[in-house]
Amino acid sequence: MARLVFLGRLEDIAGVPDLTVPLHAPTALADVLTTLPPALSEALAGPKVRLARNGELVAANGLMVNEADELAFLPPVSGG
């Protein structure tokens, strides 16, 4: 199982701060996203959303998700 953590407005879209998704082998991030509701999947795949795997920023392109991974999705931040 992998844990997906949603921060900021992404939590609002997801309706929960995190989700656990079942995995049985390394799975492409794109395949994991297809198991989520369409609005959430689209928001997570946005070009300005950053991704951290197990506490380290990583590129989403080609990312393989392992069973014990924690993926945190970081939306763009606006400031004033």
C-alpha atoms as a PDB file:
ATOM      1  CA  MET A   1       0.000   0.000   0.000  1.00  0.00           C
ATOM      2  CA  ALA A   2       1.179   3.517  -0.760  1.00  0.00           C
ATOM      3  CA  ARG A   3       0.014   6.648   1.029  1.00  0.00           C
ATOM      4  CA  LEU A   4      -0.970   9.740  -0.946  1.00  0.00           C
ATOM      5  CA  VAL A   5      -0.903  13.016   1.004  1.00  0.00           C
ATOM      6  CA  PHE A   6      -2.716  16.090  -0.294  1.00  0.00           C
ATOM      7  CA  LEU A   7      -1.732  19.578   0.820  1.00  0.00           C
ATOM      8  CA  GLY A   8      -3.449  22.950   0.462  1.00  0.00           C
ATOM      9  CA  ARG A   9      -6.172  23.198  -2.168  1.00  0.00           C
ATOM     10  CA  LEU A  10      -5.477  19.601  -3.224  1.00  0.00           C
ATOM     11  CA  GLU A  11      -6.845  18.447   0.128  1.00  0.00           C
ATOM     12  CA  ASP A  12      -9.996  20.442  -0.601  1.00  0.00           C
ATOM     13  CA  ILE A  13     -10.377  18.698  -3.961  1.00  0.00           C
ATOM     14  CA  ALA A  14      -9.691  15.256  -2.462  1.00  0.00           C
ATOM     15  CA  GLY A  15     -11.995  15.864   0.498  1.00  0.00           C
ATOM     16  CA  VAL A  16      -9.487  14.113   2.777  1.00  0.00           C
ATOM     17  CA  PRO A  17      -5.897  14.862   3.832  1.00  0.00           C
ATOM     18  CA  ASP A  18      -4.611  11.504   2.607  1.00  0.00           C
ATOM     19  CA  LEU A  19      -5.541   8.224   0.947  1.00  0.00           C
ATOM     20  CA  THR A  20      -4.023   4.779   0.965  1.00  0.00           C
ATOM     21  CA  VAL A  21      -3.915   2.943  -2.353  1.00  0.00           C
ATOM     22  CA  PRO A  22      -3.243  -0.775  -2.738  1.00  0.00           C
ATOM     23  CA  LEU A  23      -0.186  -1.761  -4.747  1.00  0.00           C
ATOM     24  CA  HIS A  24       1.229  -5.230  -5.309  1.00  0.00           C
ATOM     25  CA  ALA A  25       4.307  -4.278  -7.283  1.00  0.00           C
ATOM     26  CA  PRO A  26       5.995  -1.086  -8.407  1.00  0.00           C
ATOM     27  CA  THR A  27       3.337   0.854 -10.326  1.00  0.00           C
ATOM     28  CA  ALA A  28       3.683   3.881 -12.591  1.00  0.00           C
ATOM     29  CA  LEU A  29       2.401   7.082 -10.988  1.00  0.00           C
ATOM     30  CA  ALA A  30       0.195   7.652 -14.044  1.00  0.00           C
ATOM     31  CA  ASP A  31      -1.516   4.310 -13.354  1.00  0.00           C
ATOM     32  CA  VAL A  32      -2.020   5.180  -9.680  1.00  0.00           C
ATOM     33  CA  LEU A  33      -3.646   8.482 -10.659  1.00  0.00           C
ATOM     34  CA  THR A  34      -6.151   6.702 -12.926  1.00  0.00           C
ATOM     35  CA  THR A  35      -7.586   4.936  -9.848  1.00  0.00           C
ATOM     36  CA  LEU A  36      -8.597   8.292  -8.310  1.00  0.00           C
ATOM     37  CA  PRO A  37     -11.679  10.398  -9.043  1.00  0.00           C
ATOM     38  CA  PRO A  38     -11.189  12.305 -12.335  1.00  0.00           C
ATOM     39  CA  ALA A  39     -11.177  15.821 -10.806  1.00  0.00           C
ATOM     40  CA  LEU A  40      -8.536  14.805  -8.258  1.00  0.00           C
ATOM     41  CA  SER A  41      -6.434  12.934 -10.796  1.00  0.00           C
ATOM     42  CA  GLU A  42      -6.485  15.953 -13.125  1.00  0.00           C
ATOM     43  CA  ALA A  43      -5.522  18.350 -10.314  1.00  0.00           C
ATOM     44  CA  LEU A  44      -2.630  16.124  -9.166  1.00  0.00           C
ATOM     45  CA  ALA A  45      -1.271  15.873 -12.703  1.00  0.00           C
ATOM     46  CA  GLY A  46      -1.223  19.664 -13.094  1.00  0.00           C
ATOM     47  CA  PRO A  47       2.053  21.166 -14.331  1.00  0.00           C
ATOM     48  CA  LYS A  48       2.575  23.317 -11.230  1.00  0.00           C
ATOM     49  CA  VAL A  49       1.992  20.569  -8.661  1.00  0.00           C
ATOM     50  CA  ARG A  50       5.243  19.372  -7.056  1.00  0.00           C
ATOM     51  CA  LEU A  51       5.712  15.865  -5.725  1.00  0.00           C
ATOM     52  CA  ALA A  52       7.688  14.537  -2.787  1.00  0.00           C
ATOM     53  CA  ARG A  53       8.330  10.826  -2.359  1.00  0.00           C
ATOM     54  CA  ASN A  54       9.290   9.800   1.154  1.00  0.00           C
ATOM     55  CA  GLY A  55      10.237  13.395   1.982  1.00  0.00           C
ATOM     56  CA  GLU A  56      12.316  14.163  -1.123  1.00  0.00           C
ATOM     57  CA  LEU A  57      11.173  16.251  -4.092  1.00  0.00           C
ATOM     58  CA  VAL A  58      11.064  14.138  -7.246  1.00  0.00           C
ATOM     59  CA  ALA A  59       9.970  14.489 -10.859  1.00  0.00           C
ATOM     60  CA  ALA A  60       6.608  12.907 -11.619  1.00  0.00           C
ATOM     61  CA  ASN A  61       7.542  11.885 -15.185  1.00  0.00           C
ATOM     62  CA  GLY A  62       8.192   8.147 -15.279  1.00  0.00           C
ATOM     63  CA  LEU A  63       7.962   7.797 -11.496  1.00  0.00           C
ATOM     64  CA  MET A  64       7.374   4.264 -10.222  1.00  0.00           C
ATOM     65  CA  VAL A  65       5.504   4.020  -6.916  1.00  0.00           C
ATOM     66  CA  ASN A  66       6.490   1.272  -4.481  1.00  0.00           C
ATOM     67  CA  GLU A  67       4.325  -0.376  -1.838  1.00  0.00           C
ATOM     68  CA  ALA A  68       5.665   1.518   1.182  1.00  0.00           C
ATOM     69  CA  ASP A  69       6.004   4.941  -0.483  1.00  0.00           C
ATOM     70  CA  GLU A  70       4.458   8.121   0.807  1.00  0.00           C
ATOM     71  CA  LEU A  71       3.715  10.614  -1.961  1.00  0.00           C
ATOM     72  CA  ALA A  72       2.972  14.191  -0.950  1.00  0.00           C
ATOM     73  CA  PHE A  73       1.373  16.413  -3.584  1.00  0.00           C
ATOM     74  CA  LEU A  74       2.322  20.073  -3.138  1.00  0.00           C
ATOM     75  CA  PRO A  75       0.191  22.686  -4.884  1.00  0.00           C
ATOM     76  CA  PRO A  76       1.589  26.033  -6.007  1.00  0.00           C
ATOM     77  CA  VAL A  77       1.593  28.546  -3.189  1.00  0.00           C
ATOM     78  CA  SER A  78       0.473  32.120  -3.540  1.00  0.00           C
ATOM     79  CA  GLY A  79       1.754  34.734  -1.176  1.00  0.00           C
ATOM     80  CA  GLY A  80       1.339  38.361  -0.508  1.00  0.00           C
END
